[in-house]
Amino acid sequence: METRVAGFDERGAYMEQRFVVDGEIYAQAFVRARFIRKSGGTVMMAELLDMLGVEPGTAIPVVPEWAVQWAEATRLPSTRSDAPSVWKEVAPVVPASDEATH
């Protein structure tokens, strides 16, 4: 697996991950992550960059616009709000027994 930092915003870090076998990409994912403190709350990106030793003024990759839009559309509620794990159905589910006949 290969991982690269794609950029940061005030809420999280964006990373691209690729699963590569013999130089061929088999799967690719784009991840936005927030870093949570053991004591509660989130680590601000400025603090994270400081912890990583990134000097102030260092050029940081700009998050692609499509990723910003995706992040906003899939944004989780604050840590003080409920965030139940419920899959939203986007297309009808075809029972496995019916798949072979379609």
Foldseek 3Di string as FASTA:
>chain_A
DDKDFQFADQAFTKMKDFDDDPRDTPDIDIDTDWDADPVGDTDTPVNVCVVVVNDPPDDTHDHDPVVVVVCVVPPADPPVDDDDPDDDDPDDDDPPVCPVVD
